[in-house]
Amino acid sequence: MGIGDWGLGIGDWGLGPIPNAQSPIPNPQSPIPNPQKIFFQIILNKLILKIIHKLYIYKTLLYKLLFTMMN
């Protein structure tokens, strides 16, 4: 078994003085959330909800129009 092997778990876990860039074991640190990405996602979600709501309103109006035409 060599450096960075999964069997013995001796890869780069951030415990040594120099991290091993060749290690296939992922760094266990969690990513820091980007505030701009979160803000963009909130704006995009609101826009999508508005579009879905308008489509629902148009569908309802279309059904009412077709129903009145058939009677």
C-alpha atoms as a PDB file:
ATOM      1  CA  MET A   1       0.000   0.000   0.000  1.00  0.00           C
ATOM      2  CA  GLY A   2       1.250   3.437  -0.855  1.00  0.00           C
ATOM      3  CA  ILE A   3       0.728   7.027   0.124  1.00  0.00           C
ATOM      4  CA  GLY A   4      -2.902   8.092  -0.175  1.00  0.00           C
ATOM      5  CA  ASP A   5      -4.309   4.558  -0.174  1.00  0.00           C
ATOM      6  CA  TRP A   6      -7.837   3.972   1.044  1.00  0.00           C
ATOM      7  CA  GLY A   7      -7.079   0.745   2.912  1.00  0.00           C
ATOM      8  CA  LEU A   8      -4.986   2.146   5.719  1.00  0.00           C
ATOM      9  CA  GLY A   9      -6.277   5.706   5.612  1.00  0.00           C
ATOM     10  CA  ILE A  10      -2.815   7.252   5.568  1.00  0.00           C
ATOM     11  CA  GLY A  11      -3.632   9.866   2.917  1.00  0.00           C
ATOM     12  CA  ASP A  12      -3.886  13.605   3.415  1.00  0.00           C
ATOM     13  CA  TRP A  13      -6.256  14.309   6.288  1.00  0.00           C
ATOM     14  CA  GLY A  14      -4.654  17.634   7.136  1.00  0.00           C
ATOM     15  CA  LEU A  15      -2.905  16.165  10.159  1.00  0.00           C
ATOM     16  CA  GLY A  16       0.641  16.285   8.862  1.00  0.00           C
ATOM     17  CA  PRO A  17       2.900  19.287   8.360  1.00  0.00           C
ATOM     18  CA  ILE A  18       2.705  19.158   4.535  1.00  0.00           C
ATOM     19  CA  PRO A  19      -0.515  18.146   2.727  1.00  0.00           C
ATOM     20  CA  ASN A  20      -0.208  15.485   0.030  1.00  0.00           C
ATOM     21  CA  ALA A  21      -1.613  16.954  -3.195  1.00  0.00           C
ATOM     22  CA  GLN A  22      -1.638  13.512  -4.861  1.00  0.00           C
ATOM     23  CA  SER A  23      -3.928  11.912  -2.253  1.00  0.00           C
ATOM     24  CA  PRO A  24      -7.252  10.572  -3.620  1.00  0.00           C
ATOM     25  CA  ILE A  25      -8.819  10.937  -0.172  1.00  0.00           C
ATOM     26  CA  PRO A  26     -10.966  14.085  -0.161  1.00  0.00           C
ATOM     27  CA  ASN A  27     -10.301  16.914   2.254  1.00  0.00           C
ATOM     28  CA  PRO A  28     -12.958  16.630   4.983  1.00  0.00           C
ATOM     29  CA  GLN A  29     -13.441  20.403   5.281  1.00  0.00           C
ATOM     30  CA  SER A  30     -16.884  21.640   4.236  1.00  0.00           C
ATOM     31  CA  PRO A  31     -17.112  24.414   1.624  1.00  0.00           C
ATOM     32  CA  ILE A  32     -17.872  27.975   2.705  1.00  0.00           C
ATOM     33  CA  PRO A  33     -21.205  29.143   1.211  1.00  0.00           C
ATOM     34  CA  ASN A  34     -20.942  32.005  -1.252  1.00  0.00           C
ATOM     35  CA  PRO A  35     -23.428  34.807  -0.334  1.00  0.00           C
ATOM     36  CA  GLN A  36     -23.713  35.946  -3.966  1.00  0.00           C
ATOM     37  CA  LYS A  37     -24.644  32.430  -5.093  1.00  0.00           C
ATOM     38  CA  ILE A  38     -27.269  32.133  -2.343  1.00  0.00           C
ATOM     39  CA  PHE A  39     -28.758  35.548  -3.255  1.00  0.00           C
ATOM     40  CA  PHE A  40     -28.852  34.625  -6.956  1.00  0.00           C
ATOM     41  CA  GLN A  41     -30.595  31.324  -6.130  1.00  0.00           C
ATOM     42  CA  ILE A  42     -33.256  33.131  -4.053  1.00  0.00           C
ATOM     43  CA  ILE A  43     -33.939  35.614  -6.871  1.00  0.00           C
ATOM     44  CA  LEU A  44     -34.077  32.806  -9.446  1.00  0.00           C
ATOM     45  CA  ASN A  45     -36.502  30.787  -7.302  1.00  0.00           C
ATOM     46  CA  LYS A  46     -38.820  33.800  -6.927  1.00  0.00           C
ATOM     47  CA  LEU A  47     -38.756  34.376 -10.685  1.00  0.00           C
ATOM     48  CA  ILE A  48     -39.573  30.732 -11.403  1.00  0.00           C
ATOM     49  CA  LEU A  49     -42.471  30.825  -8.932  1.00  0.00           C
ATOM     50  CA  LYS A  50     -43.880  33.954 -10.607  1.00  0.00           C
ATOM     51  CA  ILE A  51     -43.686  32.295 -14.028  1.00  0.00           C
ATOM     52  CA  ILE A  52     -45.413  29.144 -12.745  1.00  0.00           C
ATOM     53  CA  HIS A  53     -48.144  31.232 -11.133  1.00  0.00           C
ATOM     54  CA  LYS A  54     -48.774  33.185 -14.356  1.00  0.00           C
ATOM     55  CA  LEU A  55     -48.927  29.970 -16.366  1.00  0.00           C
ATOM     56  CA  TYR A  56     -51.489  28.595 -13.916  1.00  0.00           C
ATOM     57  CA  ILE A  57     -53.603  31.752 -14.265  1.00  0.00           C
ATOM     58  CA  TYR A  58     -53.441  31.582 -18.082  1.00  0.00           C
ATOM     59  CA  LYS A  59     -54.365  27.900 -18.025  1.00  0.00           C
ATOM     60  CA  THR A  60     -57.379  28.618 -15.802  1.00  0.00           C
ATOM     61  CA  LEU A  61     -58.532  31.458 -18.043  1.00  0.00           C
ATOM     62  CA  LEU A  62     -58.122  29.293 -21.135  1.00  0.00           C
ATOM     63  CA  TYR A  63     -60.203  26.493 -19.592  1.00  0.00           C
ATOM     64  CA  LYS A  64     -62.941  28.975 -18.663  1.00  0.00           C
ATOM     65  CA  LEU A  65     -62.934  30.397 -22.182  1.00  0.00           C
ATOM     66  CA  LEU A  66     -63.123  26.961 -23.797  1.00  0.00           C
ATOM     67  CA  PHE A  67     -65.860  25.861 -21.414  1.00  0.00           C
ATOM     68  CA  THR A  68     -68.004  28.919 -22.217  1.00  0.00           C
ATOM     69  CA  MET A  69     -67.464  28.402 -25.951  1.00  0.00           C
ATOM     70  CA  MET A  70     -68.665  24.795 -25.730  1.00  0.00           C
ATOM     71  CA  ASN A  71     -71.917  25.720 -23.952  1.00  0.00           C
END
